[in-house]
C-alpha cells in the first residue's frame, strides 16, 4: 500500500476530498517526523509507537581495506507495533 492508496482509502471512508485527505496524511507524517527528530517518542494507542533508539559506539571493519573503523553512537527511528496490532496481523496474514 502506498501513500496514495492511504489517501484514497481515507477519502473513501470519510467522504472527505482527496486533496484534504492528502493534506491530513502529510500533516500527520510531518508531525511524527518532527517529533522523532527532536527526540520525542510518538505513541498511538492500538497501533504502535514511533520511538528513537540509541545505538552505542562500536568498532567495525572495512574488509576491502582491512582497516578498523569506529562508528560513533547515534540515534535511529524505530517502530514498535502494539500488541493488539501484532495479534491481528499474526492471525490474518497467511
PDB file of N, CA and C in Angstrom:
ATOM      1  N   UNK A   1       0.854  -1.172   0.000  1.00  0.00           N
ATOM      2  CA  UNK A   1       0.000   0.000   0.000  1.00  0.00           C
ATOM      3  C   UNK A   1       0.899   1.234   0.000  1.00  0.00           C
ATOM      4  N   UNK A   2       0.607   2.169  -0.872  1.00  0.00           N
ATOM      5  CA  UNK A   2       1.381   3.398  -0.970  1.00  0.00           C
ATOM      6  C   UNK A   2       0.658   4.538  -0.263  1.00  0.00           C
ATOM      7  N   UNK A   3       1.329   5.679  -0.182  1.00  0.00           N
ATOM      8  CA  UNK A   3       0.710   6.847   0.441  1.00  0.00           C
ATOM      9  C   UNK A   3      -0.541   7.256  -0.337  1.00  0.00           C
ATOM     10  N   UNK A   4      -0.490   7.158  -1.656  1.00  0.00           N
ATOM     11  CA  UNK A   4      -1.652   7.491  -2.488  1.00  0.00           C
ATOM     12  C   UNK A   4      -2.828   6.559  -2.181  1.00  0.00           C
ATOM     13  N   UNK A   5      -2.532   5.279  -1.937  1.00  0.00           N
ATOM     14  CA  UNK A   5      -3.579   4.320  -1.575  1.00  0.00           C
ATOM     15  C   UNK A   5      -4.200   4.681  -0.226  1.00  0.00           C
ATOM     16  N   UNK A   6      -3.371   5.103   0.709  1.00  0.00           N
ATOM     17  CA  UNK A   6      -3.869   5.505   2.028  1.00  0.00           C
ATOM     18  C   UNK A   6      -4.770   6.725   1.896  1.00  0.00           C
ATOM     19  N   UNK A   7      -4.351   7.702   1.092  1.00  0.00           N
ATOM     20  CA  UNK A   7      -5.162   8.905   0.873  1.00  0.00           C
ATOM     21  C   UNK A   7      -6.496   8.532   0.253  1.00  0.00           C
ATOM     22  N   UNK A   8      -6.487   7.654  -0.732  1.00  0.00           N
ATOM     23  CA  UNK A   8      -7.733   7.220  -1.382  1.00  0.00           C
ATOM     24  C   UNK A   8      -8.647   6.499  -0.398  1.00  0.00           C
ATOM     25  N   UNK A   9      -8.079   5.639   0.434  1.00  0.00           N
ATOM     26  CA  UNK A   9      -8.859   4.892   1.429  1.00  0.00           C
ATOM     27  C   UNK A   9      -9.503   5.832   2.446  1.00  0.00           C
ATOM     28  N   UNK A  10      -8.737   6.793   2.934  1.00  0.00           N
ATOM     29  CA  UNK A  10      -9.281   7.769   3.884  1.00  0.00           C
ATOM     30  C   UNK A  10     -10.387   8.587   3.241  1.00  0.00           C
ATOM     31  N   UNK A  11     -10.159   9.001   2.016  1.00  0.00           N
ATOM     32  CA  UNK A  11     -11.152   9.793   1.289  1.00  0.00           C
ATOM     33  C   UNK A  11     -12.447   9.000   1.097  1.00  0.00           C
ATOM     34  N   UNK A  12     -12.304   7.726   0.749  1.00  0.00           N
ATOM     35  CA  UNK A  12     -13.478   6.876   0.525  1.00  0.00           C
ATOM     36  C   UNK A  12     -14.244   6.620   1.818  1.00  0.00           C
ATOM     37  N   UNK A  13     -13.520   6.364   2.915  1.00  0.00           N
ATOM     38  CA  UNK A  13     -14.165   6.024   4.181  1.00  0.00           C
ATOM     39  C   UNK A  13     -14.785   7.208   4.903  1.00  0.00           C
ATOM     40  N   UNK A  14     -14.234   8.397   4.707  1.00  0.00           N
ATOM     41  CA  UNK A  14     -14.727   9.564   5.439  1.00  0.00           C
ATOM     42  C   UNK A  14     -15.572  10.506   4.605  1.00  0.00           C
ATOM     43  N   UNK A  15     -15.480  10.415   3.284  1.00  0.00           N
ATOM     44  CA  UNK A  15     -16.225  11.322   2.429  1.00  0.00           C
ATOM     45  C   UNK A  15     -15.520  12.659   2.230  1.00  0.00           C
ATOM     46  N   UNK A  16     -14.298  12.765   2.714  1.00  0.00           N
ATOM     47  CA  UNK A  16     -13.506  13.982   2.548  1.00  0.00           C
ATOM     48  C   UNK A  16     -12.831  13.929   1.174  1.00  0.00           C
ATOM     49  N   UNK A  17     -12.654  15.088   0.554  1.00  0.00           N
ATOM     50  CA  UNK A  17     -11.994  15.136  -0.749  1.00  0.00           C
ATOM     51  C   UNK A  17     -10.565  14.611  -0.632  1.00  0.00           C
ATOM     52  N   UNK A  18     -10.045  14.084  -1.753  1.00  0.00           N
ATOM     53  CA  UNK A  18      -8.696  13.522  -1.746  1.00  0.00           C
ATOM     54  C   UNK A  18      -7.642  14.572  -1.424  1.00  0.00           C
ATOM     55  N   UNK A  19      -7.841  15.801  -1.877  1.00  0.00           N
ATOM     56  CA  UNK A  19      -6.870  16.864  -1.610  1.00  0.00           C
ATOM     57  C   UNK A  19      -6.777  17.125  -0.107  1.00  0.00           C
ATOM     58  N   UNK A  20      -7.921  17.174   0.564  1.00  0.00           N
ATOM     59  CA  UNK A  20      -7.940  17.389   2.007  1.00  0.00           C
ATOM     60  C   UNK A  20      -7.346  16.181   2.737  1.00  0.00           C
ATOM     61  N   UNK A  21      -7.667  14.985   2.264  1.00  0.00           N
ATOM     62  CA  UNK A  21      -7.107  13.772   2.878  1.00  0.00           C
ATOM     63  C   UNK A  21      -5.595  13.740   2.746  1.00  0.00           C
ATOM     64  N   UNK A  22      -5.093  14.169   1.592  1.00  0.00           N
ATOM     65  CA  UNK A  22      -3.653  14.184   1.390  1.00  0.00           C
ATOM     66  C   UNK A  22      -2.980  15.175   2.335  1.00  0.00           C
ATOM     67  N   UNK A  23      -3.594  16.330   2.531  1.00  0.00           N
ATOM     68  CA  UNK A  23      -3.047  17.316   3.464  1.00  0.00           C
ATOM     69  C   UNK A  23      -3.009  16.756   4.884  1.00  0.00           C
ATOM     70  N   UNK A  24      -4.045  16.021   5.258  1.00  0.00           N
ATOM     71  CA  UNK A  24      -4.105  15.417   6.596  1.00  0.00           C
ATOM     72  C   UNK A  24      -2.992  14.380   6.764  1.00  0.00           C
ATOM     73  N   UNK A  25      -2.831  13.508   5.776  1.00  0.00           N
ATOM     74  CA  UNK A  25      -1.799  12.473   5.839  1.00  0.00           C
ATOM     75  C   UNK A  25      -0.411  13.117   5.898  1.00  0.00           C
ATOM     76  N   UNK A  26      -0.182  14.125   5.051  1.00  0.00           N
ATOM     77  CA  UNK A  26       1.109  14.824   5.042  1.00  0.00           C
ATOM     78  C   UNK A  26       1.377  15.504   6.389  1.00  0.00           C
ATOM     79  N   UNK A  27       0.344  16.148   6.956  1.00  0.00           N
ATOM     80  CA  UNK A  27       0.499  16.830   8.240  1.00  0.00           C
ATOM     81  C   UNK A  27       0.813  15.832   9.349  1.00  0.00           C
ATOM     82  N   UNK A  28       0.164  14.669   9.326  1.00  0.00           N
ATOM     83  CA  UNK A  28       0.425  13.642  10.333  1.00  0.00           C
ATOM     84  C   UNK A  28       1.860  13.139  10.225  1.00  0.00           C
ATOM     85  N   UNK A  29       2.303  12.862   8.998  1.00  0.00           N
ATOM     86  CA  UNK A  29       3.663  12.366   8.806  1.00  0.00           C
ATOM     87  C   UNK A  29       4.696  13.424   9.189  1.00  0.00           C
ATOM     88  N   UNK A  30       4.452  14.687   8.847  1.00  0.00           N
ATOM     89  CA  UNK A  30       5.367  15.761   9.227  1.00  0.00           C
ATOM     90  C   UNK A  30       5.449  15.910  10.742  1.00  0.00           C
ATOM     91  N   UNK A  31       4.301  15.779  11.400  1.00  0.00           N
ATOM     92  CA  UNK A  31       4.264  15.886  12.856  1.00  0.00           C
ATOM     93  C   UNK A  31       5.061  14.758  13.508  1.00  0.00           C
ATOM     94  N   UNK A  32       4.895  13.545  13.008  1.00  0.00           N
ATOM     95  CA  UNK A  32       5.633  12.399  13.546  1.00  0.00           C
ATOM     96  C   UNK A  32       7.125  12.578  13.292  1.00  0.00           C
ATOM     97  N   UNK A  33       7.495  12.974  12.074  1.00  0.00           N
ATOM     98  CA  UNK A  33       8.915  13.146  11.746  1.00  0.00           C
ATOM     99  C   UNK A  33       9.567  14.231  12.589  1.00  0.00           C
ATOM    100  N   UNK A  34       8.872  15.340  12.795  1.00  0.00           N
ATOM    101  CA  UNK A  34       9.472  16.424  13.582  1.00  0.00           C
ATOM    102  C   UNK A  34       9.599  16.025  15.050  1.00  0.00           C
ATOM    103  N   UNK A  35       8.632  15.288  15.573  1.00  0.00           N
ATOM    104  CA  UNK A  35       8.725  14.824  16.959  1.00  0.00           C
ATOM    105  C   UNK A  35       9.888  13.863  17.141  1.00  0.00           C
ATOM    106  N   UNK A  36      10.045  12.928  16.221  1.00  0.00           N
ATOM    107  CA  UNK A  36      11.145  11.963  16.293  1.00  0.00           C
ATOM    108  C   UNK A  36      12.487  12.682  16.142  1.00  0.00           C
ATOM    109  N   UNK A  37      12.550  13.673  15.245  1.00  0.00           N
ATOM    110  CA  UNK A  37      13.799  14.416  15.038  1.00  0.00           C
ATOM    111  C   UNK A  37      14.210  15.185  16.293  1.00  0.00           C
ATOM    112  N   UNK A  38      13.231  15.609  17.096  1.00  0.00           N
ATOM    113  CA  UNK A  38      13.526  16.304  18.350  1.00  0.00           C
ATOM    114  C   UNK A  38      13.889  15.334  19.473  1.00  0.00           C
ATOM    115  N   UNK A  39      13.683  14.040  19.243  1.00  0.00           N
ATOM    116  CA  UNK A  39      13.992  13.043  20.266  1.00  0.00           C
ATOM    117  C   UNK A  39      12.778  12.616  21.065  1.00  0.00           C
ATOM    118  N   UNK A  40      11.596  13.082  20.676  1.00  0.00           N
ATOM    119  CA  UNK A  40      10.359  12.703  21.375  1.00  0.00           C
ATOM    120  C   UNK A  40       9.752  11.469  20.726  1.00  0.00           C
ATOM    121  N   UNK A  41       9.240  10.555  21.534  1.00  0.00           N
ATOM    122  CA  UNK A  41       8.539   9.381  21.027  1.00  0.00           C
ATOM    123  C   UNK A  41       7.084   9.736  20.729  1.00  0.00           C
ATOM    124  N   UNK A  42       6.480   9.006  19.788  1.00  0.00           N
ATOM    125  CA  UNK A  42       5.076   9.221  19.423  1.00  0.00           C
ATOM    126  C   UNK A  42       4.334   7.924  19.712  1.00  0.00           C
ATOM    127  N   UNK A  43       3.304   7.998  20.568  1.00  0.00           N
ATOM    128  CA  UNK A  43       2.533   6.824  20.961  1.00  0.00           C
ATOM    129  C   UNK A  43       1.139   6.897  20.367  1.00  0.00           C
ATOM    130  N   UNK A  44       0.743   5.850  19.632  1.00  0.00           N
ATOM    131  CA  UNK A  44      -0.591   5.772  19.050  1.00  0.00           C
ATOM    132  C   UNK A  44      -1.245   4.500  19.576  1.00  0.00           C
ATOM    133  N   UNK A  45      -2.119   4.673  20.557  1.00  0.00           N
ATOM    134  CA  UNK A  45      -2.752   3.541  21.234  1.00  0.00           C
ATOM    135  C   UNK A  45      -3.470   2.647  20.227  1.00  0.00           C
ATOM    136  N   UNK A  46      -3.221   1.356  20.308  1.00  0.00           N
ATOM    137  CA  UNK A  46      -3.852   0.380  19.428  1.00  0.00           C
ATOM    138  C   UNK A  46      -3.124   0.203  18.106  1.00  0.00           C
ATOM    139  N   UNK A  47      -2.166   1.069  17.791  1.00  0.00           N
ATOM    140  CA  UNK A  47      -1.410   0.970  16.548  1.00  0.00           C
ATOM    141  C   UNK A  47       0.054   0.664  16.829  1.00  0.00           C
ATOM    142  N   UNK A  48       0.696   1.533  17.605  1.00  0.00           N
ATOM    143  CA  UNK A  48       2.093   1.310  17.934  1.00  0.00           C
ATOM    144  C   UNK A  48       2.788   2.590  18.330  1.00  0.00           C
ATOM    145  N   UNK A  49       4.089   2.509  18.489  1.00  0.00           N
ATOM    146  CA  UNK A  49       4.893   3.645  18.921  1.00  0.00           C
ATOM    147  C   UNK A  49       6.029   3.892  17.946  1.00  0.00           C
ATOM    148  N   UNK A  50       6.224   5.140  17.599  1.00  0.00           N
ATOM    149  CA  UNK A  50       7.387   5.560  16.840  1.00  0.00           C
ATOM    150  C   UNK A  50       8.383   6.047  17.884  1.00  0.00           C
ATOM    151  N   UNK A  51       9.518   5.371  17.977  1.00  0.00           N
ATOM    152  CA  UNK A  51      10.459   5.666  19.048  1.00  0.00           C
ATOM    153  C   UNK A  51      11.844   5.979  18.483  1.00  0.00           C
ATOM    154  N   UNK A  52      12.652   6.606  19.332  1.00  0.00           N
ATOM    155  CA  UNK A  52      14.039   6.902  18.989  1.00  0.00           C
ATOM    156  C   UNK A  52      14.909   5.913  19.747  1.00  0.00           C
ATOM    157  N   UNK A  53      15.738   5.161  19.020  1.00  0.00           N
ATOM    158  CA  UNK A  53      16.635   4.190  19.643  1.00  0.00           C
ATOM    159  C   UNK A  53      18.062   4.712  19.572  1.00  0.00           C
ATOM    160  N   UNK A  54      18.792   4.476  20.646  1.00  0.00           N
ATOM    161  CA  UNK A  54      20.196   4.885  20.708  1.00  0.00           C
ATOM    162  C   UNK A  54      21.077   3.702  20.358  1.00  0.00           C
ATOM    163  N   UNK A  55      21.954   3.892  19.406  1.00  0.00           N
ATOM    164  CA  UNK A  55      22.935   2.874  19.048  1.00  0.00           C
ATOM    165  C   UNK A  55      24.267   3.260  19.691  1.00  0.00           C
ATOM    166  N   UNK A  56      24.861   2.348  20.390  1.00  0.00           N
ATOM    167  CA  UNK A  56      26.119   2.607  21.097  1.00  0.00           C
ATOM    168  C   UNK A  56      27.289   2.681  20.115  1.00  0.00           C
ATOM    169  N   UNK A  57      28.356   3.315  20.567  1.00  0.00           N
ATOM    170  CA  UNK A  57      29.590   3.383  19.793  1.00  0.00           C
ATOM    171  C   UNK A  57      30.120   1.968  19.611  1.00  0.00           C
ATOM    172  N   UNK A  58      30.616   1.657  18.409  1.00  0.00           N
ATOM    173  CA  UNK A  58      31.143   0.318  18.177  1.00  0.00           C
ATOM    174  C   UNK A  58      32.280   0.365  17.168  1.00  0.00           C
ATOM    175  N   UNK A  59      33.018  -0.702  17.143  1.00  0.00           N
ATOM    176  CA  UNK A  59      34.127  -0.845  16.218  1.00  0.00           C
ATOM    177  C   UNK A  59      33.705  -1.804  15.114  1.00  0.00           C
ATOM    178  N   UNK A  60      33.940  -1.391  13.872  1.00  0.00           N
ATOM    179  CA  UNK A  60      33.592  -2.218  12.720  1.00  0.00           C
ATOM    180  C   UNK A  60      34.835  -2.396  11.857  1.00  0.00           C
ATOM    181  N   UNK A  61      34.738  -3.243  10.849  1.00  0.00           N
ATOM    182  CA  UNK A  61      35.877  -3.466   9.968  1.00  0.00           C
ATOM    183  C   UNK A  61      35.502  -3.165   8.531  1.00  0.00           C
ATOM    184  N   UNK A  62      36.397  -2.489   7.842  1.00  0.00           N
ATOM    185  CA  UNK A  62      36.279  -2.293   6.401  1.00  0.00           C
ATOM    186  C   UNK A  62      37.082  -3.420   5.761  1.00  0.00           C
ATOM    187  N   UNK A  63      36.375  -4.430   5.266  1.00  0.00           N
ATOM    188  CA  UNK A  63      37.074  -5.633   4.804  1.00  0.00           C
ATOM    189  C   UNK A  63      37.837  -5.411   3.499  1.00  0.00           C
ATOM    190  N   UNK A  64      37.455  -4.421   2.699  1.00  0.00           N
ATOM    191  CA  UNK A  64      38.181  -4.181   1.454  1.00  0.00           C
ATOM    192  C   UNK A  64      39.554  -3.578   1.719  1.00  0.00           C
ATOM    193  N   UNK A  65      39.662  -2.725   2.730  1.00  0.00           N
ATOM    194  CA  UNK A  65      40.947  -2.093   3.065  1.00  0.00           C
ATOM    195  C   UNK A  65      41.621  -2.754   4.269  1.00  0.00           C
ATOM    196  N   UNK A  66      40.936  -3.696   4.888  1.00  0.00           N
ATOM    197  CA  UNK A  66      41.430  -4.394   6.073  1.00  0.00           C
ATOM    198  C   UNK A  66      41.814  -3.408   7.191  1.00  0.00           C
ATOM    199  N   UNK A  67      40.891  -2.473   7.443  1.00  0.00           N
ATOM    200  CA  UNK A  67      41.110  -1.485   8.495  1.00  0.00           C
ATOM    201  C   UNK A  67      39.957  -1.521   9.488  1.00  0.00           C
ATOM    202  N   UNK A  68      40.203  -0.949  10.650  1.00  0.00           N
ATOM    203  CA  UNK A  68      39.179  -0.847  11.684  1.00  0.00           C
ATOM    204  C   UNK A  68      38.571   0.545  11.634  1.00  0.00           C
ATOM    205  N   UNK A  69      37.254   0.611  11.737  1.00  0.00           N
ATOM    206  CA  UNK A  69      36.534   1.877  11.690  1.00  0.00           C
ATOM    207  C   UNK A  69      35.712   2.000  12.972  1.00  0.00           C
ATOM    208  N   UNK A  70      35.737   3.166  13.584  1.00  0.00           N
ATOM    209  CA  UNK A  70      34.931   3.413  14.781  1.00  0.00           C
ATOM    210  C   UNK A  70      33.649   4.113  14.350  1.00  0.00           C
ATOM    211  N   UNK A  71      32.520   3.502  14.672  1.00  0.00           N
ATOM    212  CA  UNK A  71      31.216   4.097  14.380  1.00  0.00           C
ATOM    213  C   UNK A  71      30.739   4.764  15.667  1.00  0.00           C
ATOM    214  N   UNK A  72      30.543   6.099  15.641  1.00  0.00           N
ATOM    215  CA  UNK A  72      30.146   6.789  16.868  1.00  0.00           C
ATOM    216  C   UNK A  72      28.714   6.437  17.272  1.00  0.00           C
ATOM    217  N   UNK A  73      28.368   6.723  18.527  1.00  0.00           N
ATOM    218  CA  UNK A  73      26.987   6.477  18.954  1.00  0.00           C
ATOM    219  C   UNK A  73      26.067   7.391  18.152  1.00  0.00           C
ATOM    220  N   UNK A  74      24.882   6.876  17.840  1.00  0.00           N
ATOM    221  CA  UNK A  74      23.924   7.638  17.057  1.00  0.00           C
ATOM    222  C   UNK A  74      22.513   7.171  17.379  1.00  0.00           C
ATOM    223  N   UNK A  75      21.532   7.913  16.896  1.00  0.00           N
ATOM    224  CA  UNK A  75      20.131   7.621  17.158  1.00  0.00           C
ATOM    225  C   UNK A  75      19.442   7.264  15.850  1.00  0.00           C
ATOM    226  N   UNK A  76      18.516   6.297  15.925  1.00  0.00           N
ATOM    227  CA  UNK A  76      17.766   5.891  14.741  1.00  0.00           C
ATOM    228  C   UNK A  76      16.276   5.849  15.081  1.00  0.00           C
ATOM    229  N   UNK A  77      15.414   6.110  14.090  1.00  0.00           N
ATOM    230  CA  UNK A  77      13.978   5.964  14.329  1.00  0.00           C
ATOM    231  C   UNK A  77      13.588   4.487  14.245  1.00  0.00           C
ATOM    232  N   UNK A  78      12.580   4.115  15.016  1.00  0.00           N
ATOM    233  CA  UNK A  78      12.102   2.735  15.007  1.00  0.00           C
ATOM    234  C   UNK A  78      10.594   2.728  15.259  1.00  0.00           C
ATOM    235  N   UNK A  79       9.952   1.634  14.887  1.00  0.00           N
ATOM    236  CA  UNK A  79       8.518   1.467  15.119  1.00  0.00           C
ATOM    237  C   UNK A  79       8.309   0.206  15.928  1.00  0.00           C
ATOM    238  N   UNK A  80       7.514   0.313  16.993  1.00  0.00           N
ATOM    239  CA  UNK A  80       7.168  -0.842  17.810  1.00  0.00           C
ATOM    240  C   UNK A  80       5.654  -0.998  17.758  1.00  0.00           C
ATOM    241  N   UNK A  81       5.149  -2.041  17.094  1.00  0.00           N
ATOM    242  CA  UNK A  81       3.699  -2.212  16.986  1.00  0.00           C
ATOM    243  C   UNK A  81       3.057  -2.569  18.321  1.00  0.00           C
ATOM    244  N   UNK A  82       1.786  -2.168  18.476  1.00  0.00           N
ATOM    245  CA  UNK A  82       1.018  -2.500  19.675  1.00  0.00           C
ATOM    246  C   UNK A  82       0.705  -3.997  19.671  1.00  0.00           C
ATOM    247  N   UNK A  83       0.499  -4.553  20.853  1.00  0.00           N
ATOM    248  CA  UNK A  83       0.225  -5.990  20.962  1.00  0.00           C
ATOM    249  C   UNK A  83      -1.034  -6.383  20.188  1.00  0.00           C
ATOM    250  N   UNK A  84      -2.082  -5.573  20.287  1.00  0.00           N
ATOM    251  CA  UNK A  84      -3.324  -5.902  19.577  1.00  0.00           C
ATOM    252  C   UNK A  84      -3.108  -5.877  18.069  1.00  0.00           C
ATOM    253  N   UNK A  85      -2.281  -4.959  17.599  1.00  0.00           N
ATOM    254  CA  UNK A  85      -1.958  -4.863  16.182  1.00  0.00           C
ATOM    255  C   UNK A  85      -1.172  -6.095  15.734  1.00  0.00           C
ATOM    256  N   UNK A  86      -0.211  -6.505  16.539  1.00  0.00           N
ATOM    257  CA  UNK A  86       0.596  -7.679  16.210  1.00  0.00           C
ATOM    258  C   UNK A  86      -0.261  -8.940  16.146  1.00  0.00           C
ATOM    259  N   UNK A  87      -1.186  -9.079  17.079  1.00  0.00           N
ATOM    260  CA  UNK A  87      -2.066 -10.255  17.099  1.00  0.00           C
ATOM    261  C   UNK A  87      -2.955 -10.268  15.859  1.00  0.00           C
ATOM    262  N   UNK A  88      -3.478  -9.102  15.493  1.00  0.00           N
ATOM    263  CA  UNK A  88      -4.347  -9.021  14.316  1.00  0.00           C
ATOM    264  C   UNK A  88      -3.584  -9.407  13.053  1.00  0.00           C
ATOM    265  N   UNK A  89      -2.355  -8.936  12.916  1.00  0.00           N
ATOM    266  CA  UNK A  89      -1.549  -9.281  11.742  1.00  0.00           C
ATOM    267  C   UNK A  89      -1.212 -10.769  11.759  1.00  0.00           C
ATOM    268  N   UNK A  90      -0.831 -11.266  12.913  1.00  0.00           N
ATOM    269  CA  UNK A  90      -0.456 -12.678  13.037  1.00  0.00           C
ATOM    270  C   UNK A  90      -1.603 -13.600  12.667  1.00  0.00           C
ATOM    271  N   UNK A  91      -2.821 -13.232  13.065  1.00  0.00           N
ATOM    272  CA  UNK A  91      -3.983 -14.077  12.803  1.00  0.00           C
ATOM    273  C   UNK A  91      -4.496 -13.973  11.368  1.00  0.00           C
ATOM    274  N   UNK A  92      -4.261 -12.840  10.691  1.00  0.00           N
ATOM    275  CA  UNK A  92      -4.859 -12.629   9.377  1.00  0.00           C
ATOM    276  C   UNK A  92      -3.918 -12.825   8.196  1.00  0.00           C
ATOM    277  N   UNK A  93      -2.626 -12.694   8.383  1.00  0.00           N
ATOM    278  CA  UNK A  93      -1.691 -12.839   7.266  1.00  0.00           C
ATOM    279  C   UNK A  93      -1.356 -14.308   7.102  1.00  0.00           C
ATOM    280  N   UNK A  94      -1.454 -14.725   5.855  1.00  0.00           N
ATOM    281  CA  UNK A  94      -1.178 -16.147   5.573  1.00  0.00           C
ATOM    282  C   UNK A  94      -0.101 -16.267   4.539  1.00  0.00           C
TER     283      UNK A  94
END
